[in-house]
Amino acid sequence: MAKRQPKTQLSELQLAVMRVLWKRGEATTAEVVADLAAARGLAHTTVATLLTRLEKRGVVAQRRDGRSFVYSPRLSEAEVQRSMVAGLVASLFAGDSAALVAHLVREDEVTPGDLAAIRARLAEADDV
């Protein structure tokens, strides 16, 4: 039996930090601050706190390099997406993923071009 991944729900700010780590592979606190400076302008201490909390939750790994800590993601972007979407479907759509898709279509969140891409992915999934 496959081991289930723990539920991972991240805030928008935590996701921004994780995107830096996914892009870089690993980064120090200062590097994350620099990457987020233009869009967020976060203090070094704020980013350090976020990374420490993510490390305690098992989302990132931490290693010491001289006087700095270097952080790397322990979960892939796909794993986090899967967990967060599963949480959304469970909490808002009572576990019915078709209801989520219907909602997106009904609310014009999905364009006709998107629908074509979705149909192609569904066809690929049927072939597997």
N, C-alpha and C. Protein backbone atom coordinates (compact mmCIF):
# COMPACT_ATOMS: atom_id res chain seq x y z
N MET A 1 0.84 -1.18 0.00
CA MET A 1 0.00 0.00 0.00
C MET A 1 0.89 1.24 0.00
N ALA A 2 0.57 2.21 -0.86
CA ALA A 2 1.38 3.42 -0.97
C ALA A 2 1.19 4.31 0.25
N LYS A 3 2.28 4.90 0.69
CA LYS A 3 2.21 5.81 1.83
C LYS A 3 1.62 7.14 1.36
N ARG A 4 0.64 7.65 2.07
CA ARG A 4 -0.01 8.91 1.70
C ARG A 4 0.82 10.09 2.17
N GLN A 5 0.92 11.09 1.33
CA GLN A 5 1.61 12.31 1.69
C GLN A 5 0.76 13.09 2.69
N PRO A 6 1.39 13.71 3.69
CA PRO A 6 0.62 14.55 4.60
C PRO A 6 0.04 15.75 3.85
N LYS A 7 -1.06 16.26 4.35
CA LYS A 7 -1.69 17.43 3.73
C LYS A 7 -0.76 18.63 3.89
N THR A 8 -0.54 19.34 2.81
CA THR A 8 0.30 20.52 2.83
C THR A 8 -0.51 21.69 2.29
N GLN A 9 -0.82 22.64 3.15
CA GLN A 9 -1.51 23.85 2.76
C GLN A 9 -0.56 25.01 3.05
N LEU A 10 -0.28 25.81 2.03
CA LEU A 10 0.65 26.93 2.18
C LEU A 10 -0.06 28.24 1.89
N SER A 11 0.36 29.27 2.60
CA SER A 11 -0.17 30.61 2.35
C SER A 11 0.44 31.16 1.06
N GLU A 12 -0.09 32.26 0.60
CA GLU A 12 0.44 32.90 -0.61
C GLU A 12 1.91 33.28 -0.42
N LEU A 13 2.25 33.77 0.75
CA LEU A 13 3.63 34.17 1.03
C LEU A 13 4.55 32.94 1.10
N GLN A 14 4.09 31.88 1.72
CA GLN A 14 4.88 30.65 1.77
C GLN A 14 5.09 30.09 0.37
N LEU A 15 4.06 30.17 -0.46
CA LEU A 15 4.20 29.71 -1.85
C LEU A 15 5.22 30.55 -2.61
N ALA A 16 5.25 31.84 -2.36
CA ALA A 16 6.23 32.71 -3.01
C ALA A 16 7.65 32.27 -2.64
N VAL A 17 7.86 31.96 -1.37
CA VAL A 17 9.16 31.49 -0.91
C VAL A 17 9.49 30.14 -1.57
N MET A 18 8.52 29.25 -1.60
CA MET A 18 8.74 27.94 -2.20
C MET A 18 9.06 28.06 -3.69
N ARG A 19 8.42 28.98 -4.38
CA ARG A 19 8.70 29.15 -5.82
C ARG A 19 10.16 29.54 -6.04
N VAL A 20 10.70 30.35 -5.15
CA VAL A 20 12.13 30.69 -5.25
C VAL A 20 12.96 29.42 -5.09
N LEU A 21 12.63 28.60 -4.10
CA LEU A 21 13.40 27.38 -3.87
C LEU A 21 13.23 26.39 -5.02
N TRP A 22 12.02 26.25 -5.55
CA TRP A 22 11.81 25.35 -6.69
C TRP A 22 12.61 25.83 -7.90
N LYS A 23 12.66 27.13 -8.11
CA LYS A 23 13.39 27.68 -9.25
C LYS A 23 14.90 27.50 -9.08
N ARG A 24 15.41 27.79 -7.89
CA ARG A 24 16.84 27.75 -7.65
C ARG A 24 17.37 26.36 -7.29
N GLY A 25 16.52 25.53 -6.71
CA GLY A 25 16.97 24.25 -6.20
C GLY A 25 17.35 24.34 -4.73
N GLU A 26 18.07 25.37 -4.37
CA GLU A 26 18.40 25.68 -2.98
C GLU A 26 18.78 27.15 -2.90
N ALA A 27 18.64 27.72 -1.70
CA ALA A 27 18.95 29.15 -1.54
C ALA A 27 19.13 29.48 -0.07
N THR A 28 19.93 30.50 0.18
CA THR A 28 20.05 31.05 1.53
C THR A 28 18.89 32.01 1.76
N THR A 29 18.72 32.41 2.99
CA THR A 29 17.69 33.39 3.32
C THR A 29 17.91 34.67 2.53
N ALA A 30 19.16 35.13 2.45
CA ALA A 30 19.47 36.36 1.72
C ALA A 30 19.11 36.24 0.25
N GLU A 31 19.33 35.08 -0.35
CA GLU A 31 18.99 34.88 -1.76
C GLU A 31 17.48 34.90 -1.97
N VAL A 32 16.74 34.32 -1.03
CA VAL A 32 15.28 34.36 -1.13
C VAL A 32 14.79 35.79 -0.99
N VAL A 33 15.35 36.53 -0.04
CA VAL A 33 14.99 37.94 0.15
C VAL A 33 15.26 38.71 -1.13
N ALA A 34 16.41 38.51 -1.74
CA ALA A 34 16.77 39.21 -2.97
C ALA A 34 15.81 38.88 -4.11
N ASP A 35 15.45 37.60 -4.24
CA ASP A 35 14.54 37.21 -5.32
C ASP A 35 13.14 37.79 -5.13
N LEU A 36 12.73 37.96 -3.89
CA LEU A 36 11.39 38.47 -3.61
C LEU A 36 11.35 40.00 -3.42
N ALA A 37 12.52 40.65 -3.46
CA ALA A 37 12.60 42.08 -3.14
C ALA A 37 11.71 42.94 -4.01
N ALA A 38 11.74 42.74 -5.31
CA ALA A 38 10.98 43.60 -6.22
C ALA A 38 9.47 43.45 -6.02
N ALA A 39 9.03 42.23 -5.84
CA ALA A 39 7.60 41.98 -5.75
C ALA A 39 7.06 42.14 -4.32
N ARG A 40 7.87 41.85 -3.33
CA ARG A 40 7.36 41.79 -1.96
C ARG A 40 8.02 42.75 -0.99
N GLY A 41 9.32 42.99 -1.14
CA GLY A 41 10.03 43.87 -0.22
C GLY A 41 9.98 43.38 1.22
N LEU A 42 10.23 42.09 1.44
CA LEU A 42 10.15 41.51 2.77
C LEU A 42 11.45 41.71 3.54
N ALA A 43 11.32 41.85 4.85
CA ALA A 43 12.49 41.95 5.72
C ALA A 43 13.18 40.58 5.80
N HIS A 44 14.48 40.61 6.01
CA HIS A 44 15.27 39.39 6.14
C HIS A 44 14.71 38.51 7.25
N THR A 45 14.33 39.13 8.37
CA THR A 45 13.80 38.37 9.51
C THR A 45 12.48 37.68 9.17
N THR A 46 11.66 38.31 8.36
CA THR A 46 10.38 37.71 7.95
C THR A 46 10.62 36.45 7.13
N VAL A 47 11.53 36.55 6.17
CA VAL A 47 11.84 35.40 5.32
C VAL A 47 12.50 34.30 6.16
N ALA A 48 13.37 34.68 7.07
CA ALA A 48 14.03 33.69 7.94
C ALA A 48 12.98 32.94 8.78
N THR A 49 12.01 33.66 9.29
CA THR A 49 10.95 33.04 10.08
C THR A 49 10.12 32.09 9.21
N LEU A 50 9.77 32.52 8.01
CA LEU A 50 9.01 31.67 7.09
C LEU A 50 9.78 30.38 6.79
N LEU A 51 11.05 30.50 6.48
CA LEU A 51 11.86 29.32 6.15
C LEU A 51 12.00 28.38 7.35
N THR A 52 12.17 28.95 8.54
CA THR A 52 12.27 28.13 9.75
C THR A 52 10.98 27.36 9.99
N ARG A 53 9.84 28.02 9.81
CA ARG A 53 8.55 27.34 10.01
C ARG A 53 8.32 26.26 8.94
N LEU A 54 8.71 26.55 7.71
CA LEU A 54 8.58 25.54 6.65
C LEU A 54 9.48 24.34 6.92
N GLU A 55 10.65 24.60 7.49
CA GLU A 55 11.57 23.51 7.83
C GLU A 55 10.98 22.65 8.95
N LYS A 56 10.39 23.28 9.95
CA LYS A 56 9.77 22.54 11.06
C LYS A 56 8.60 21.68 10.59
N ARG A 57 7.91 22.13 9.56
CA ARG A 57 6.78 21.38 8.99
C ARG A 57 7.24 20.29 8.02
N GLY A 58 8.54 20.25 7.71
CA GLY A 58 9.06 19.24 6.80
C GLY A 58 8.90 19.57 5.33
N VAL A 59 8.59 20.82 5.03
CA VAL A 59 8.39 21.25 3.64
C VAL A 59 9.72 21.58 2.99
N VAL A 60 10.66 22.11 3.77
CA VAL A 60 12.00 22.39 3.26
C VAL A 60 13.04 21.72 4.15
N ALA A 61 14.20 21.48 3.58
CA ALA A 61 15.34 20.96 4.33
C ALA A 61 16.30 22.12 4.57
N GLN A 62 17.05 22.01 5.65
CA GLN A 62 17.98 23.07 6.03
C GLN A 62 19.35 22.45 6.28
N ARG A 63 20.39 23.13 5.76
CA ARG A 63 21.76 22.70 6.08
C ARG A 63 22.59 23.95 6.31
N ARG A 64 23.62 23.80 7.10
CA ARG A 64 24.49 24.94 7.41
C ARG A 64 25.62 24.99 6.40
N ASP A 65 25.91 26.20 5.91
CA ASP A 65 27.04 26.44 5.02
C ASP A 65 27.77 27.66 5.57
N GLY A 66 28.80 27.39 6.36
CA GLY A 66 29.48 28.48 7.05
C GLY A 66 28.55 29.09 8.08
N ARG A 67 28.30 30.40 7.95
CA ARG A 67 27.43 31.08 8.91
C ARG A 67 25.99 31.16 8.42
N SER A 68 25.72 30.65 7.25
CA SER A 68 24.38 30.73 6.67
C SER A 68 23.70 29.38 6.65
N PHE A 69 22.38 29.43 6.64
CA PHE A 69 21.60 28.23 6.38
C PHE A 69 21.21 28.23 4.92
N VAL A 70 21.26 27.05 4.32
CA VAL A 70 20.83 26.87 2.93
C VAL A 70 19.60 25.98 2.97
N TYR A 71 18.56 26.43 2.28
CA TYR A 71 17.29 25.72 2.28
C TYR A 71 17.02 25.12 0.91
N SER A 72 16.40 23.94 0.92
CA SER A 72 16.00 23.29 -0.32
C SER A 72 14.62 22.66 -0.12
N PRO A 73 13.85 22.58 -1.19
CA PRO A 73 12.51 22.02 -1.05
C PRO A 73 12.54 20.52 -0.80
N ARG A 74 11.71 20.05 0.12
CA ARG A 74 11.57 18.61 0.36
C ARG A 74 10.36 18.07 -0.39
N LEU A 75 9.49 18.96 -0.83
CA LEU A 75 8.31 18.59 -1.61
C LEU A 75 8.40 19.27 -2.96
N SER A 76 7.99 18.56 -3.99
CA SER A 76 7.98 19.16 -5.32
C SER A 76 6.78 20.10 -5.45
N GLU A 77 6.84 20.94 -6.46
CA GLU A 77 5.72 21.84 -6.73
C GLU A 77 4.45 21.02 -7.01
N ALA A 78 4.60 19.93 -7.74
CA ALA A 78 3.45 19.07 -8.07
C ALA A 78 2.84 18.47 -6.80
N GLU A 79 3.67 18.06 -5.84
CA GLU A 79 3.15 17.50 -4.59
C GLU A 79 2.35 18.53 -3.80
N VAL A 80 2.85 19.75 -3.76
CA VAL A 80 2.15 20.82 -3.05
C VAL A 80 0.85 21.16 -3.77
N GLN A 81 0.91 21.26 -5.09
CA GLN A 81 -0.31 21.54 -5.86
C GLN A 81 -1.36 20.46 -5.61
N ARG A 82 -0.92 19.20 -5.68
CA ARG A 82 -1.84 18.08 -5.48
C ARG A 82 -2.52 18.17 -4.12
N SER A 83 -1.74 18.44 -3.09
CA SER A 83 -2.27 18.51 -1.74
C SER A 83 -3.22 19.69 -1.57
N MET A 84 -2.83 20.84 -2.10
CA MET A 84 -3.66 22.03 -1.93
C MET A 84 -4.95 21.93 -2.73
N VAL A 85 -4.89 21.37 -3.93
CA VAL A 85 -6.11 21.19 -4.72
C VAL A 85 -7.02 20.17 -4.04
N ALA A 86 -6.43 19.10 -3.50
CA ALA A 86 -7.24 18.09 -2.79
C ALA A 86 -7.95 18.73 -1.60
N GLY A 87 -7.25 19.60 -0.89
CA GLY A 87 -7.86 20.31 0.23
C GLY A 87 -8.99 21.22 -0.21
N LEU A 88 -8.78 21.92 -1.32
CA LEU A 88 -9.82 22.80 -1.87
C LEU A 88 -11.04 21.99 -2.28
N VAL A 89 -10.83 20.90 -3.00
CA VAL A 89 -11.94 20.06 -3.45
C VAL A 89 -12.68 19.49 -2.23
N ALA A 90 -11.94 19.04 -1.24
CA ALA A 90 -12.57 18.46 -0.05
C ALA A 90 -13.39 19.50 0.72
N SER A 91 -12.83 20.69 0.90
CA SER A 91 -13.51 21.68 1.75
C SER A 91 -14.62 22.44 1.03
N LEU A 92 -14.44 22.76 -0.24
CA LEU A 92 -15.44 23.57 -0.94
C LEU A 92 -16.41 22.77 -1.80
N PHE A 93 -15.99 21.59 -2.23
CA PHE A 93 -16.81 20.82 -3.17
C PHE A 93 -17.12 19.41 -2.66
N ALA A 94 -17.01 19.20 -1.34
CA ALA A 94 -17.33 17.94 -0.70
C ALA A 94 -16.67 16.74 -1.38
N GLY A 95 -15.44 16.95 -1.85
CA GLY A 95 -14.68 15.86 -2.47
C GLY A 95 -15.02 15.59 -3.91
N ASP A 96 -15.88 16.40 -4.52
CA ASP A 96 -16.33 16.18 -5.90
C ASP A 96 -15.51 17.05 -6.86
N SER A 97 -14.46 16.46 -7.45
CA SER A 97 -13.59 17.23 -8.35
C SER A 97 -14.32 17.67 -9.61
N ALA A 98 -15.33 16.91 -10.05
CA ALA A 98 -16.13 17.32 -11.21
C ALA A 98 -16.87 18.61 -10.90
N ALA A 99 -17.29 18.79 -9.66
CA ALA A 99 -17.97 20.03 -9.26
C ALA A 99 -17.02 21.23 -9.36
N LEU A 100 -15.75 21.01 -9.04
CA LEU A 100 -14.75 22.08 -9.18
C LEU A 100 -14.61 22.48 -10.65
N VAL A 101 -14.47 21.50 -11.52
CA VAL A 101 -14.33 21.79 -12.95
C VAL A 101 -15.58 22.49 -13.47
N ALA A 102 -16.76 22.00 -13.08
CA ALA A 102 -18.02 22.63 -13.50
C ALA A 102 -18.08 24.07 -13.02
N HIS A 103 -17.64 24.32 -11.81
CA HIS A 103 -17.62 25.68 -11.28
C HIS A 103 -16.71 26.59 -12.12
N LEU A 104 -15.53 26.10 -12.45
CA LEU A 104 -14.59 26.89 -13.24
C LEU A 104 -15.17 27.23 -14.61
N VAL A 105 -15.82 26.26 -15.23
CA VAL A 105 -16.43 26.49 -16.54
C VAL A 105 -17.59 27.47 -16.41
N ARG A 106 -18.45 27.24 -15.44
CA ARG A 106 -19.63 28.08 -15.23
C ARG A 106 -19.25 29.53 -14.94
N GLU A 107 -18.19 29.74 -14.20
CA GLU A 107 -17.78 31.09 -13.80
C GLU A 107 -16.84 31.74 -14.81
N ASP A 108 -16.72 31.17 -16.00
CA ASP A 108 -15.87 31.70 -17.07
C ASP A 108 -14.40 31.82 -16.68
N GLU A 109 -13.97 30.93 -15.79
CA GLU A 109 -12.56 30.88 -15.41
C GLU A 109 -11.76 30.07 -16.42
N VAL A 110 -12.47 29.32 -17.28
CA VAL A 110 -11.83 28.47 -18.28
C VAL A 110 -12.25 29.00 -19.66
N THR A 111 -11.26 29.34 -20.46
CA THR A 111 -11.53 29.86 -21.80
C THR A 111 -11.74 28.69 -22.77
N PRO A 112 -12.31 28.96 -23.95
CA PRO A 112 -12.45 27.88 -24.94
C PRO A 112 -11.11 27.21 -25.28
N GLY A 113 -10.05 27.99 -25.34
CA GLY A 113 -8.72 27.41 -25.59
C GLY A 113 -8.29 26.49 -24.45
N ASP A 114 -8.61 26.91 -23.22
CA ASP A 114 -8.31 26.06 -22.06
C ASP A 114 -9.09 24.76 -22.14
N LEU A 115 -10.35 24.84 -22.57
CA LEU A 115 -11.17 23.63 -22.68
C LEU A 115 -10.57 22.63 -23.66
N ALA A 116 -10.03 23.13 -24.76
CA ALA A 116 -9.39 22.24 -25.73
C ALA A 116 -8.18 21.55 -25.11
N ALA A 117 -7.40 22.30 -24.35
CA ALA A 117 -6.24 21.71 -23.68
C ALA A 117 -6.67 20.69 -22.64
N ILE A 118 -7.75 20.98 -21.92
CA ILE A 118 -8.27 20.05 -20.91
C ILE A 118 -8.75 18.77 -21.58
N ARG A 119 -9.46 18.91 -22.69
CA ARG A 119 -9.94 17.73 -23.42
C ARG A 119 -8.76 16.86 -23.87
N ALA A 120 -7.70 17.51 -24.34
CA ALA A 120 -6.51 16.76 -24.79
C ALA A 120 -5.88 16.02 -23.61
N ARG A 121 -5.80 16.66 -22.46
CA ARG A 121 -5.23 15.99 -21.28
C ARG A 121 -6.11 14.85 -20.80
N LEU A 122 -7.42 15.03 -20.88
CA LEU A 122 -8.33 13.96 -20.50
C LEU A 122 -8.19 12.76 -21.45
N ALA A 123 -8.01 13.05 -22.73
CA ALA A 123 -7.83 11.98 -23.70
C ALA A 123 -6.53 11.23 -23.41
N GLU A 124 -5.47 11.95 -23.07
CA GLU A 124 -4.20 11.32 -22.71
C GLU A 124 -4.37 10.44 -21.47
N ALA A 125 -5.11 10.94 -20.49
CA ALA A 125 -5.32 10.19 -19.25
C ALA A 125 -6.11 8.91 -19.53
N ASP A 126 -7.05 8.97 -20.47
CA ASP A 126 -7.83 7.79 -20.82
C ASP A 126 -6.97 6.72 -21.50
N ASP A 127 -5.91 7.18 -22.19
CA ASP A 127 -5.01 6.25 -22.89
C ASP A 127 -4.06 5.52 -21.95
N VAL A 128 -3.91 6.03 -20.74
CA VAL A 128 -2.95 5.46 -19.77
C VAL A 128 -3.50 4.25 -19.10
